[in-house]
Amino acid sequence: MLKKIPEVIAQARQSLNIITAVDAAIKCKNEHSIVIDVREPAEFAEKAANSTVNIPRGLLEMKMLQLHPDENLTIFLHCATGARATFAAEQLKRVGYTNVWVITCKLDDICSAF
C-alpha cells in the first residue's frame, strides 16, 4: 500500500531533531554550524535566507562528505515547507552525521529569522 507524503514525513520526523527558524537562528549563533537550503538552485536564486548555503537535496550527501566531513557538525536543513529538508535529514543521518536538525517553518519565517 502506498503512503501519502504527509504521512511519510510525519513518520520520518519522529526520529529527527525538529526546530523552528527562530530557535535555529539562536542555536546557530552559539555553535559551530551550517544552515543548508536543500531547494533547487533556481528556487534559491529567487529567494534565500541570509547566511544559508544552497546544496540541493539530490547532491547533499556527496557534497557534505566532500565539503564538511565532520560527523559532529551541527547541520540545520531547510526548504520551502520542511518536506525536502526532512528527507534530506534522513539521508545525512544515514551516512553518519549525528547533529542534524530540520527547520520546519515556511520559507518566509526562515528568511525573517536569519
PDB file of N, CA and C in Angstrom:
ATOM      1  N   MET A   1       0.826  -1.179   0.000  1.00  0.00           N
ATOM      2  CA  MET A   1       0.000   0.000   0.000  1.00  0.00           C
ATOM      3  C   MET A   1       0.875   1.249   0.000  1.00  0.00           C
ATOM      4  N   LEU A   2       0.611   2.146  -0.894  1.00  0.00           N
ATOM      5  CA  LEU A   2       1.359   3.390  -0.968  1.00  0.00           C
ATOM      6  C   LEU A   2       0.940   4.322   0.166  1.00  0.00           C
ATOM      7  N   LYS A   3       1.906   5.073   0.659  1.00  0.00           N
ATOM      8  CA  LYS A   3       1.631   6.052   1.708  1.00  0.00           C
ATOM      9  C   LYS A   3       1.606   7.444   1.095  1.00  0.00           C
ATOM     10  N   LYS A   4       0.829   8.313   1.661  1.00  0.00           N
ATOM     11  CA  LYS A   4       0.803   9.709   1.231  1.00  0.00           C
ATOM     12  C   LYS A   4       2.025  10.421   1.825  1.00  0.00           C
ATOM     13  N   ILE A   5       2.547  11.393   1.095  1.00  0.00           N
ATOM     14  CA  ILE A   5       3.762  12.093   1.513  1.00  0.00           C
ATOM     15  C   ILE A   5       3.642  12.699   2.912  1.00  0.00           C
ATOM     16  N   PRO A   6       2.547  13.375   3.265  1.00  0.00           N
ATOM     17  CA  PRO A   6       2.460  13.905   4.636  1.00  0.00           C
ATOM     18  C   PRO A   6       2.595  12.823   5.708  1.00  0.00           C
ATOM     19  N   GLU A   7       2.097  11.636   5.421  1.00  0.00           N
ATOM     20  CA  GLU A   7       2.216  10.518   6.355  1.00  0.00           C
ATOM     21  C   GLU A   7       3.682  10.072   6.479  1.00  0.00           C
ATOM     22  N   VAL A   8       4.379   9.991   5.363  1.00  0.00           N
ATOM     23  CA  VAL A   8       5.784   9.598   5.368  1.00  0.00           C
ATOM     24  C   VAL A   8       6.618  10.635   6.123  1.00  0.00           C
ATOM     25  N   ILE A   9       6.335  11.910   5.888  1.00  0.00           N
ATOM     26  CA  ILE A   9       7.066  12.988   6.560  1.00  0.00           C
ATOM     27  C   ILE A   9       6.825  12.937   8.065  1.00  0.00           C
ATOM     28  N   ALA A  10       5.582  12.776   8.467  1.00  0.00           N
ATOM     29  CA  ALA A  10       5.267  12.704   9.902  1.00  0.00           C
ATOM     30  C   ALA A  10       5.982  11.535  10.558  1.00  0.00           C
ATOM     31  N   GLN A  11       6.036  10.421   9.892  1.00  0.00           N
ATOM     32  CA  GLN A  11       6.718   9.250  10.432  1.00  0.00           C
ATOM     33  C   GLN A  11       8.223   9.497  10.529  1.00  0.00           C
ATOM     34  N   ALA A  12       8.805  10.087   9.495  1.00  0.00           N
ATOM     35  CA  ALA A  12      10.246  10.362   9.496  1.00  0.00           C
ATOM     36  C   ALA A  12      10.625  11.332  10.608  1.00  0.00           C
ATOM     37  N   ARG A  13       9.794  12.330  10.836  1.00  0.00           N
ATOM     38  CA  ARG A  13      10.113  13.354  11.837  1.00  0.00           C
ATOM     39  C   ARG A  13      10.144  12.807  13.261  1.00  0.00           C
ATOM     40  N   GLN A  14       9.547  11.662  13.482  1.00  0.00           N
ATOM     41  CA  GLN A  14       9.567  11.064  14.817  1.00  0.00           C
ATOM     42  C   GLN A  14      10.978  10.716  15.265  1.00  0.00           C
ATOM     43  N   SER A  15      11.871  10.472  14.320  1.00  0.00           N
ATOM     44  CA  SER A  15      13.241  10.100  14.672  1.00  0.00           C
ATOM     45  C   SER A  15      14.258  11.204  14.345  1.00  0.00           C
ATOM     46  N   LEU A  16      13.772  12.406  14.056  1.00  0.00           N
ATOM     47  CA  LEU A  16      14.654  13.517  13.694  1.00  0.00           C
ATOM     48  C   LEU A  16      14.567  14.647  14.715  1.00  0.00           C
ATOM     49  N   ASN A  17      15.582  15.514  14.711  1.00  0.00           N
ATOM     50  CA  ASN A  17      15.555  16.735  15.515  1.00  0.00           C
ATOM     51  C   ASN A  17      14.812  17.798  14.722  1.00  0.00           C
ATOM     52  N   ILE A  18      13.732  18.306  15.280  1.00  0.00           N
ATOM     53  CA  ILE A  18      12.913  19.322  14.624  1.00  0.00           C
ATOM     54  C   ILE A  18      13.090  20.632  15.390  1.00  0.00           C
ATOM     55  N   ILE A  19      13.158  21.740  14.649  1.00  0.00           N
ATOM     56  CA  ILE A  19      13.399  23.035  15.285  1.00  0.00           C
ATOM     57  C   ILE A  19      12.709  24.145  14.487  1.00  0.00           C
ATOM     58  N   THR A  20      12.332  25.208  15.176  1.00  0.00           N
ATOM     59  CA  THR A  20      11.771  26.368  14.482  1.00  0.00           C
ATOM     60  C   THR A  20      12.916  27.226  13.944  1.00  0.00           C
ATOM     61  N   ALA A  21      12.591  28.120  13.051  1.00  0.00           N
ATOM     62  CA  ALA A  21      13.608  29.007  12.480  1.00  0.00           C
ATOM     63  C   ALA A  21      14.219  29.914  13.551  1.00  0.00           C
ATOM     64  N   VAL A  22      13.388  30.444  14.428  1.00  0.00           N
ATOM     65  CA  VAL A  22      13.887  31.336  15.478  1.00  0.00           C
ATOM     66  C   VAL A  22      14.850  30.593  16.396  1.00  0.00           C
ATOM     67  N   ASP A  23      14.473  29.397  16.832  1.00  0.00           N
ATOM     68  CA  ASP A  23      15.347  28.612  17.705  1.00  0.00           C
ATOM     69  C   ASP A  23      16.624  28.193  16.980  1.00  0.00           C
ATOM     70  N   ALA A  24      16.513  27.884  15.694  1.00  0.00           N
ATOM     71  CA  ALA A  24      17.698  27.514  14.913  1.00  0.00           C
ATOM     72  C   ALA A  24      18.664  28.690  14.799  1.00  0.00           C
ATOM     73  N   ALA A  25      18.135  29.876  14.585  1.00  0.00           N
ATOM     74  CA  ALA A  25      18.988  31.064  14.478  1.00  0.00           C
ATOM     75  C   ALA A  25      19.742  31.310  15.784  1.00  0.00           C
ATOM     76  N   ILE A  26      19.067  31.129  16.900  1.00  0.00           N
ATOM     77  CA  ILE A  26      19.716  31.298  18.210  1.00  0.00           C
ATOM     78  C   ILE A  26      20.784  30.225  18.415  1.00  0.00           C
ATOM     79  N   LYS A  27      20.428  28.992  18.145  1.00  0.00           N
ATOM     80  CA  LYS A  27      21.360  27.871  18.316  1.00  0.00           C
ATOM     81  C   LYS A  27      22.561  28.020  17.379  1.00  0.00           C
ATOM     82  N   CYS A  28      22.310  28.543  16.201  1.00  0.00           N
ATOM     83  CA  CYS A  28      23.357  28.727  15.198  1.00  0.00           C
ATOM     84  C   CYS A  28      24.437  29.701  15.684  1.00  0.00           C
ATOM     85  N   LYS A  29      24.031  30.710  16.431  1.00  0.00           N
ATOM     86  CA  LYS A  29      24.980  31.696  16.943  1.00  0.00           C
ATOM     87  C   LYS A  29      25.891  31.114  18.012  1.00  0.00           C
ATOM     88  N   ASN A  30      25.422  30.072  18.699  1.00  0.00           N
ATOM     89  CA  ASN A  30      26.160  29.513  19.827  1.00  0.00           C
ATOM     90  C   ASN A  30      26.965  28.268  19.490  1.00  0.00           C
ATOM     91  N   GLU A  31      26.849  27.766  18.289  1.00  0.00           N
ATOM     92  CA  GLU A  31      27.525  26.527  17.917  1.00  0.00           C
ATOM     93  C   GLU A  31      28.191  26.666  16.553  1.00  0.00           C
ATOM     94  N   HIS A  32      29.230  25.852  16.345  1.00  0.00           N
ATOM     95  CA  HIS A  32      29.822  25.739  15.014  1.00  0.00           C
ATOM     96  C   HIS A  32      28.813  24.980  14.159  1.00  0.00           C
ATOM     97  N   SER A  33      28.244  25.670  13.165  1.00  0.00           N
ATOM     98  CA  SER A  33      27.153  25.049  12.421  1.00  0.00           C
ATOM     99  C   SER A  33      27.093  25.559  10.997  1.00  0.00           C
ATOM    100  N   ILE A  34      26.206  24.921  10.232  1.00  0.00           N
ATOM    101  CA  ILE A  34      25.945  25.322   8.859  1.00  0.00           C
ATOM    102  C   ILE A  34      24.435  25.232   8.634  1.00  0.00           C
ATOM    103  N   VAL A  35      23.899  26.194   7.881  1.00  0.00           N
ATOM    104  CA  VAL A  35      22.481  26.188   7.528  1.00  0.00           C
ATOM    105  C   VAL A  35      22.403  25.938   6.028  1.00  0.00           C
ATOM    106  N   ILE A  36      21.738  24.847   5.665  1.00  0.00           N
ATOM    107  CA  ILE A  36      21.678  24.427   4.271  1.00  0.00           C
ATOM    108  C   ILE A  36      20.246  24.487   3.755  1.00  0.00           C
ATOM    109  N   ASP A  37      20.090  25.159   2.638  1.00  0.00           N
ATOM    110  CA  ASP A  37      18.834  25.219   1.905  1.00  0.00           C
ATOM    111  C   ASP A  37      18.903  24.102   0.859  1.00  0.00           C
ATOM    112  N   VAL A  38      18.040  23.105   0.968  1.00  0.00           N
ATOM    113  CA  VAL A  38      18.111  21.947   0.073  1.00  0.00           C
ATOM    114  C   VAL A  38      17.223  22.081  -1.168  1.00  0.00           C
ATOM    115  N   ARG A  39      16.705  23.288  -1.408  1.00  0.00           N
ATOM    116  CA  ARG A  39      15.898  23.511  -2.610  1.00  0.00           C
ATOM    117  C   ARG A  39      16.798  23.543  -3.844  1.00  0.00           C
ATOM    118  N   GLU A  40      16.187  23.579  -4.989  1.00  0.00           N
ATOM    119  CA  GLU A  40      16.922  23.645  -6.250  1.00  0.00           C
ATOM    120  C   GLU A  40      17.547  25.032  -6.424  1.00  0.00           C
ATOM    121  N   PRO A  41      18.655  25.124  -7.166  1.00  0.00           N
ATOM    122  CA  PRO A  41      19.337  26.408  -7.341  1.00  0.00           C
ATOM    123  C   PRO A  41      18.433  27.537  -7.851  1.00  0.00           C
ATOM    124  N   ALA A  42      17.519  27.259  -8.762  1.00  0.00           N
ATOM    125  CA  ALA A  42      16.624  28.305  -9.276  1.00  0.00           C
ATOM    126  C   ALA A  42      15.717  28.839  -8.173  1.00  0.00           C
ATOM    127  N   GLU A  43      15.261  27.975  -7.280  1.00  0.00           N
ATOM    128  CA  GLU A  43      14.430  28.403  -6.158  1.00  0.00           C
ATOM    129  C   GLU A  43      15.250  29.265  -5.197  1.00  0.00           C
ATOM    130  N   PHE A  44      16.471  28.831  -4.936  1.00  0.00           N
ATOM    131  CA  PHE A  44      17.372  29.558  -4.049  1.00  0.00           C
ATOM    132  C   PHE A  44      17.672  30.946  -4.609  1.00  0.00           C
ATOM    133  N   ALA A  45      17.859  31.043  -5.929  1.00  0.00           N
ATOM    134  CA  ALA A  45      18.158  32.321  -6.573  1.00  0.00           C
ATOM    135  C   ALA A  45      16.991  33.299  -6.447  1.00  0.00           C
ATOM    136  N   GLU A  46      15.770  32.789  -6.427  1.00  0.00           N
ATOM    137  CA  GLU A  46      14.584  33.648  -6.303  1.00  0.00           C
ATOM    138  C   GLU A  46      14.463  34.259  -4.916  1.00  0.00           C
ATOM    139  N   LYS A  47      14.714  33.447  -3.897  1.00  0.00           N
ATOM    140  CA  LYS A  47      14.568  33.918  -2.518  1.00  0.00           C
ATOM    141  C   LYS A  47      15.348  32.990  -1.603  1.00  0.00           C
ATOM    142  N   ALA A  48      16.196  33.591  -0.772  1.00  0.00           N
ATOM    143  CA  ALA A  48      17.004  32.786   0.146  1.00  0.00           C
ATOM    144  C   ALA A  48      17.224  33.530   1.449  1.00  0.00           C
ATOM    145  N   ALA A  49      17.339  32.791   2.508  1.00  0.00           N
ATOM    146  CA  ALA A  49      17.641  33.368   3.818  1.00  0.00           C
ATOM    147  C   ALA A  49      19.122  33.734   3.879  1.00  0.00           C
ATOM    148  N   ASN A  50      19.443  34.769   4.624  1.00  0.00           N
ATOM    149  CA  ASN A  50      20.834  35.184   4.812  1.00  0.00           C
ATOM    150  C   ASN A  50      21.628  34.064   5.486  1.00  0.00           C
ATOM    151  N   SER A  51      22.896  33.990   5.148  1.00  0.00           N
ATOM    152  CA  SER A  51      23.842  33.054   5.777  1.00  0.00           C
ATOM    153  C   SER A  51      23.519  31.589   5.523  1.00  0.00           C
ATOM    154  N   THR A  52      22.760  31.308   4.481  1.00  0.00           N
ATOM    155  CA  THR A  52      22.489  29.907   4.150  1.00  0.00           C
ATOM    156  C   THR A  52      23.281  29.503   2.923  1.00  0.00           C
ATOM    157  N   VAL A  53      23.522  28.203   2.822  1.00  0.00           N
ATOM    158  CA  VAL A  53      24.250  27.627   1.706  1.00  0.00           C
ATOM    159  C   VAL A  53      23.268  26.760   0.930  1.00  0.00           C
ATOM    160  N   ASN A  54      23.322  26.830  -0.378  1.00  0.00           N
ATOM    161  CA  ASN A  54      22.431  26.009  -1.191  1.00  0.00           C
ATOM    162  C   ASN A  54      23.144  24.742  -1.627  1.00  0.00           C
ATOM    163  N   ILE A  55      22.654  23.622  -1.156  1.00  0.00           N
ATOM    164  CA  ILE A  55      23.088  22.313  -1.643  1.00  0.00           C
ATOM    165  C   ILE A  55      21.799  21.529  -1.908  1.00  0.00           C
ATOM    166  N   PRO A  56      21.434  21.356  -3.177  1.00  0.00           N
ATOM    167  CA  PRO A  56      20.190  20.661  -3.487  1.00  0.00           C
ATOM    168  C   PRO A  56      20.148  19.259  -2.880  1.00  0.00           C
ATOM    169  N   ARG A  57      18.956  18.852  -2.531  1.00  0.00           N
ATOM    170  CA  ARG A  57      18.758  17.558  -1.871  1.00  0.00           C
ATOM    171  C   ARG A  57      19.391  16.408  -2.651  1.00  0.00           C
ATOM    172  N   GLY A  58      19.334  16.447  -3.947  1.00  0.00           N
ATOM    173  CA  GLY A  58      19.877  15.360  -4.759  1.00  0.00           C
ATOM    174  C   GLY A  58      21.387  15.230  -4.703  1.00  0.00           C
ATOM    175  N   LEU A  59      22.073  16.273  -4.282  1.00  0.00           N
ATOM    176  CA  LEU A  59      23.537  16.253  -4.201  1.00  0.00           C
ATOM    177  C   LEU A  59      24.053  16.291  -2.771  1.00  0.00           C
ATOM    178  N   LEU A  60      23.169  16.374  -1.821  1.00  0.00           N
ATOM    179  CA  LEU A  60      23.528  16.695  -0.448  1.00  0.00           C
ATOM    180  C   LEU A  60      24.555  15.752   0.168  1.00  0.00           C
ATOM    181  N   GLU A  61      24.296  14.468   0.148  1.00  0.00           N
ATOM    182  CA  GLU A  61      25.212  13.544   0.823  1.00  0.00           C
ATOM    183  C   GLU A  61      26.622  13.608   0.243  1.00  0.00           C
ATOM    184  N   MET A  62      26.714  13.622  -1.078  1.00  0.00           N
ATOM    185  CA  MET A  62      28.031  13.637  -1.714  1.00  0.00           C
ATOM    186  C   MET A  62      28.779  14.935  -1.436  1.00  0.00           C
ATOM    187  N   LYS A  63      28.070  16.060  -1.551  1.00  0.00           N
ATOM    188  CA  LYS A  63      28.702  17.361  -1.299  1.00  0.00           C
ATOM    189  C   LYS A  63      29.117  17.500   0.164  1.00  0.00           C
ATOM    190  N   MET A  64      28.253  17.082   1.077  1.00  0.00           N
ATOM    191  CA  MET A  64      28.566  17.213   2.502  1.00  0.00           C
ATOM    192  C   MET A  64      29.787  16.385   2.880  1.00  0.00           C
ATOM    193  N   LEU A  65      29.865  15.166   2.377  1.00  0.00           N
ATOM    194  CA  LEU A  65      31.016  14.323   2.692  1.00  0.00           C
ATOM    195  C   LEU A  65      32.305  14.934   2.158  1.00  0.00           C
ATOM    196  N   GLN A  66      32.216  15.655   1.040  1.00  0.00           N
ATOM    197  CA  GLN A  66      33.376  16.339   0.462  1.00  0.00           C
ATOM    198  C   GLN A  66      33.718  17.611   1.232  1.00  0.00           C
ATOM    199  N   LEU A  67      32.724  18.463   1.446  1.00  0.00           N
ATOM    200  CA  LEU A  67      32.956  19.797   1.985  1.00  0.00           C
ATOM    201  C   LEU A  67      32.996  19.863   3.515  1.00  0.00           C
ATOM    202  N   HIS A  68      32.244  19.007   4.174  1.00  0.00           N
ATOM    203  CA  HIS A  68      32.110  19.060   5.636  1.00  0.00           C
ATOM    204  C   HIS A  68      32.170  17.649   6.211  1.00  0.00           C
ATOM    205  N   PRO A  69      33.364  17.053   6.264  1.00  0.00           N
ATOM    206  CA  PRO A  69      33.470  15.670   6.714  1.00  0.00           C
ATOM    207  C   PRO A  69      33.406  15.475   8.243  1.00  0.00           C
ATOM    208  N   ASP A  70      33.042  16.513   8.989  1.00  0.00           N
ATOM    209  CA  ASP A  70      32.933  16.404  10.448  1.00  0.00           C
ATOM    210  C   ASP A  70      31.563  15.847  10.813  1.00  0.00           C
ATOM    211  N   GLU A  71      31.512  14.620  11.283  1.00  0.00           N
ATOM    212  CA  GLU A  71      30.238  13.968  11.601  1.00  0.00           C
ATOM    213  C   GLU A  71      29.487  14.642  12.744  1.00  0.00           C
ATOM    214  N   ASN A  72      30.183  15.452  13.551  1.00  0.00           N
ATOM    215  CA  ASN A  72      29.551  16.124  14.682  1.00  0.00           C
ATOM    216  C   ASN A  72      29.142  17.568  14.400  1.00  0.00           C
ATOM    217  N   LEU A  73      29.389  18.041  13.192  1.00  0.00           N
ATOM    218  CA  LEU A  73      28.991  19.390  12.808  1.00  0.00           C
ATOM    219  C   LEU A  73      27.491  19.562  13.003  1.00  0.00           C
ATOM    220  N   THR A  74      27.079  20.683  13.579  1.00  0.00           N
ATOM    221  CA  THR A  74      25.652  20.978  13.709  1.00  0.00           C
ATOM    222  C   THR A  74      25.147  21.449  12.347  1.00  0.00           C
ATOM    223  N   ILE A  75      24.176  20.726  11.816  1.00  0.00           N
ATOM    224  CA  ILE A  75      23.646  20.991  10.485  1.00  0.00           C
ATOM    225  C   ILE A  75      22.156  21.301  10.590  1.00  0.00           C
ATOM    226  N   PHE A  76      21.778  22.469  10.071  1.00  0.00           N
ATOM    227  CA  PHE A  76      20.371  22.854  10.005  1.00  0.00           C
ATOM    228  C   PHE A  76      19.957  22.787   8.540  1.00  0.00           C
ATOM    229  N   LEU A  77      18.886  22.076   8.267  1.00  0.00           N
ATOM    230  CA  LEU A  77      18.393  21.922   6.906  1.00  0.00           C
ATOM    231  C   LEU A  77      17.040  22.599   6.766  1.00  0.00           C
ATOM    232  N   HIS A  78      16.838  23.244   5.639  1.00  0.00           N
ATOM    233  CA  HIS A  78      15.514  23.799   5.369  1.00  0.00           C
ATOM    234  C   HIS A  78      15.233  23.776   3.882  1.00  0.00           C
ATOM    235  N   CYS A  79      13.950  23.927   3.566  1.00  0.00           N
ATOM    236  CA  CYS A  79      13.485  24.069   2.190  1.00  0.00           C
ATOM    237  C   CYS A  79      12.367  25.099   2.238  1.00  0.00           C
ATOM    238  N   ALA A  80      11.353  24.949   1.431  1.00  0.00           N
ATOM    239  CA  ALA A  80      10.251  25.915   1.456  1.00  0.00           C
ATOM    240  C   ALA A  80       9.185  25.548   2.484  1.00  0.00           C
ATOM    241  N   THR A  81       9.049  24.261   2.763  1.00  0.00           N
ATOM    242  CA  THR A  81       7.983  23.802   3.668  1.00  0.00           C
ATOM    243  C   THR A  81       8.453  22.850   4.759  1.00  0.00           C
ATOM    244  N   GLY A  82       9.639  22.303   4.628  1.00  0.00           N
ATOM    245  CA  GLY A  82      10.154  21.324   5.583  1.00  0.00           C
ATOM    246  C   GLY A  82      10.115  19.899   5.067  1.00  0.00           C
ATOM    247  N   ALA A  83       9.425  19.653   3.968  1.00  0.00           N
ATOM    248  CA  ALA A  83       9.303  18.291   3.438  1.00  0.00           C
ATOM    249  C   ALA A  83      10.635  17.770   2.893  1.00  0.00           C
ATOM    250  N   ARG A  84      11.225  18.484   1.959  1.00  0.00           N
ATOM    251  CA  ARG A  84      12.505  18.040   1.390  1.00  0.00           C
ATOM    252  C   ARG A  84      13.595  18.025   2.445  1.00  0.00           C
ATOM    253  N   ALA A  85      13.547  18.987   3.364  1.00  0.00           N
ATOM    254  CA  ALA A  85      14.536  19.029   4.442  1.00  0.00           C
ATOM    255  C   ALA A  85      14.430  17.793   5.327  1.00  0.00           C
ATOM    256  N   THR A  86      13.220  17.309   5.539  1.00  0.00           N
ATOM    257  CA  THR A  86      13.026  16.091   6.335  1.00  0.00           C
ATOM    258  C   THR A  86      13.675  14.895   5.648  1.00  0.00           C
ATOM    259  N   PHE A  87      13.430  14.734   4.359  1.00  0.00           N
ATOM    260  CA  PHE A  87      14.042  13.627   3.625  1.00  0.00           C
ATOM    261  C   PHE A  87      15.567  13.773   3.580  1.00  0.00           C
ATOM    262  N   ALA A  88      16.050  14.999   3.450  1.00  0.00           N
ATOM    263  CA  ALA A  88      17.491  15.252   3.426  1.00  0.00           C
ATOM    264  C   ALA A  88      18.126  14.890   4.776  1.00  0.00           C
ATOM    265  N   ALA A  89      17.451  15.208   5.859  1.00  0.00           N
ATOM    266  CA  ALA A  89      17.970  14.888   7.194  1.00  0.00           C
ATOM    267  C   ALA A  89      18.100  13.383   7.382  1.00  0.00           C
ATOM    268  N   GLU A  90      17.120  12.650   6.894  1.00  0.00           N
ATOM    269  CA  GLU A  90      17.210  11.183   6.976  1.00  0.00           C
ATOM    270  C   GLU A  90      18.468  10.679   6.274  1.00  0.00           C
ATOM    271  N   GLN A  91      18.756  11.248   5.114  1.00  0.00           N
ATOM    272  CA  GLN A  91      19.931  10.821   4.357  1.00  0.00           C
ATOM    273  C   GLN A  91      21.233  11.165   5.080  1.00  0.00           C
ATOM    274  N   LEU A  92      21.308  12.367   5.633  1.00  0.00           N
ATOM    275  CA  LEU A  92      22.535  12.736   6.342  1.00  0.00           C
ATOM    276  C   LEU A  92      22.750  11.868   7.578  1.00  0.00           C
ATOM    277  N   LYS A  93      21.688  11.553   8.267  1.00  0.00           N
ATOM    278  CA  LYS A  93      21.807  10.635   9.405  1.00  0.00           C
ATOM    279  C   LYS A  93      22.273   9.260   8.933  1.00  0.00           C
ATOM    280  N   ARG A  94      21.771   8.826   7.801  1.00  0.00           N
ATOM    281  CA  ARG A  94      22.125   7.513   7.262  1.00  0.00           C
ATOM    282  C   ARG A  94      23.614   7.416   6.940  1.00  0.00           C
ATOM    283  N   VAL A  95      24.216   8.520   6.468  1.00  0.00           N
ATOM    284  CA  VAL A  95      25.650   8.476   6.159  1.00  0.00           C
ATOM    285  C   VAL A  95      26.524   8.757   7.373  1.00  0.00           C
ATOM    286  N   GLY A  96      25.907   9.111   8.524  1.00  0.00           N
ATOM    287  CA  GLY A  96      26.683   9.200   9.750  1.00  0.00           C
ATOM    288  C   GLY A  96      26.731  10.536  10.462  1.00  0.00           C
ATOM    289  N   TYR A  97      26.092  11.571   9.934  1.00  0.00           N
ATOM    290  CA  TYR A  97      26.066  12.848  10.644  1.00  0.00           C
ATOM    291  C   TYR A  97      25.180  12.706  11.883  1.00  0.00           C
ATOM    292  N   THR A  98      25.656  13.237  12.999  1.00  0.00           N
ATOM    293  CA  THR A  98      24.991  12.984  14.279  1.00  0.00           C
ATOM    294  C   THR A  98      24.191  14.152  14.826  1.00  0.00           C
ATOM    295  N   ASN A  99      24.393  15.352  14.278  1.00  0.00           N
ATOM    296  CA  ASN A  99      23.757  16.538  14.847  1.00  0.00           C
ATOM    297  C   ASN A  99      23.004  17.305  13.753  1.00  0.00           C
ATOM    298  N   VAL A 100      21.969  16.659  13.231  1.00  0.00           N
ATOM    299  CA  VAL A 100      21.202  17.192  12.101  1.00  0.00           C
ATOM    300  C   VAL A 100      19.842  17.671  12.607  1.00  0.00           C
ATOM    301  N   TRP A 101      19.457  18.867  12.171  1.00  0.00           N
ATOM    302  CA  TRP A 101      18.197  19.497  12.587  1.00  0.00           C
ATOM    303  C   TRP A 101      17.390  19.890  11.365  1.00  0.00           C
ATOM    304  N   VAL A 102      16.086  19.705  11.426  1.00  0.00           N
ATOM    305  CA  VAL A 102      15.185  20.106  10.351  1.00  0.00           C
ATOM    306  C   VAL A 102      14.414  21.342  10.799  1.00  0.00           C
ATOM    307  N   ILE A 103      14.543  22.423  10.029  1.00  0.00           N
ATOM    308  CA  ILE A 103      13.755  23.629  10.269  1.00  0.00           C
ATOM    309  C   ILE A 103      12.440  23.439   9.515  1.00  0.00           C
ATOM    310  N   THR A 104      11.335  23.419  10.243  1.00  0.00           N
ATOM    311  CA  THR A 104      10.064  23.047   9.637  1.00  0.00           C
ATOM    312  C   THR A 104       9.160  24.224   9.304  1.00  0.00           C
ATOM    313  N   CYS A 105       9.639  25.435   9.465  1.00  0.00           N
ATOM    314  CA  CYS A 105       8.824  26.625   9.180  1.00  0.00           C
ATOM    315  C   CYS A 105       8.734  26.871   7.672  1.00  0.00           C
ATOM    316  N   LYS A 106       7.851  27.754   7.301  1.00  0.00           N
ATOM    317  CA  LYS A 106       7.759  28.218   5.917  1.00  0.00           C
ATOM    318  C   LYS A 106       8.976  29.087   5.598  1.00  0.00           C
ATOM    319  N   LEU A 107       9.291  29.207   4.329  1.00  0.00           N
ATOM    320  CA  LEU A 107      10.468  29.960   3.894  1.00  0.00           C
ATOM    321  C   LEU A 107      10.455  31.401   4.384  1.00  0.00           C
ATOM    322  N   ASP A 108       9.319  32.060   4.369  1.00  0.00           N
ATOM    323  CA  ASP A 108       9.263  33.454   4.835  1.00  0.00           C
ATOM    324  C   ASP A 108       9.696  33.561   6.302  1.00  0.00           C
ATOM    325  N   ASP A 109       9.304  32.600   7.129  1.00  0.00           N
ATOM    326  CA  ASP A 109       9.699  32.600   8.533  1.00  0.00           C
ATOM    327  C   ASP A 109      11.197  32.366   8.681  1.00  0.00           C
ATOM    328  N   ILE A 110      11.752  31.527   7.841  1.00  0.00           N
ATOM    329  CA  ILE A 110      13.186  31.274   7.877  1.00  0.00           C
ATOM    330  C   ILE A 110      13.948  32.515   7.454  1.00  0.00           C
ATOM    331  N   CYS A 111      13.501  33.175   6.405  1.00  0.00           N
ATOM    332  CA  CYS A 111      14.147  34.421   5.955  1.00  0.00           C
ATOM    333  C   CYS A 111      14.078  35.492   7.050  1.00  0.00           C
ATOM    334  N   SER A 112      12.985  35.575   7.744  1.00  0.00           N
ATOM    335  CA  SER A 112      12.846  36.543   8.833  1.00  0.00           C
ATOM    336  C   SER A 112      13.788  36.243   9.991  1.00  0.00           C
ATOM    337  N   ALA A 113      13.935  34.975  10.325  1.00  0.00           N
ATOM    338  CA  ALA A 113      14.774  34.583  11.461  1.00  0.00           C
ATOM    339  C   ALA A 113      16.257  34.728  11.179  1.00  0.00           C
ATOM    340  N   PHE A 114      16.654  34.526   9.933  1.00  0.00           N
ATOM    341  CA  PHE A 114      18.059  34.620   9.596  1.00  0.00           C
ATOM    342  C   PHE A 114      18.340  35.901   8.839  1.00  0.00           C
TER     343      PHE A 114
END
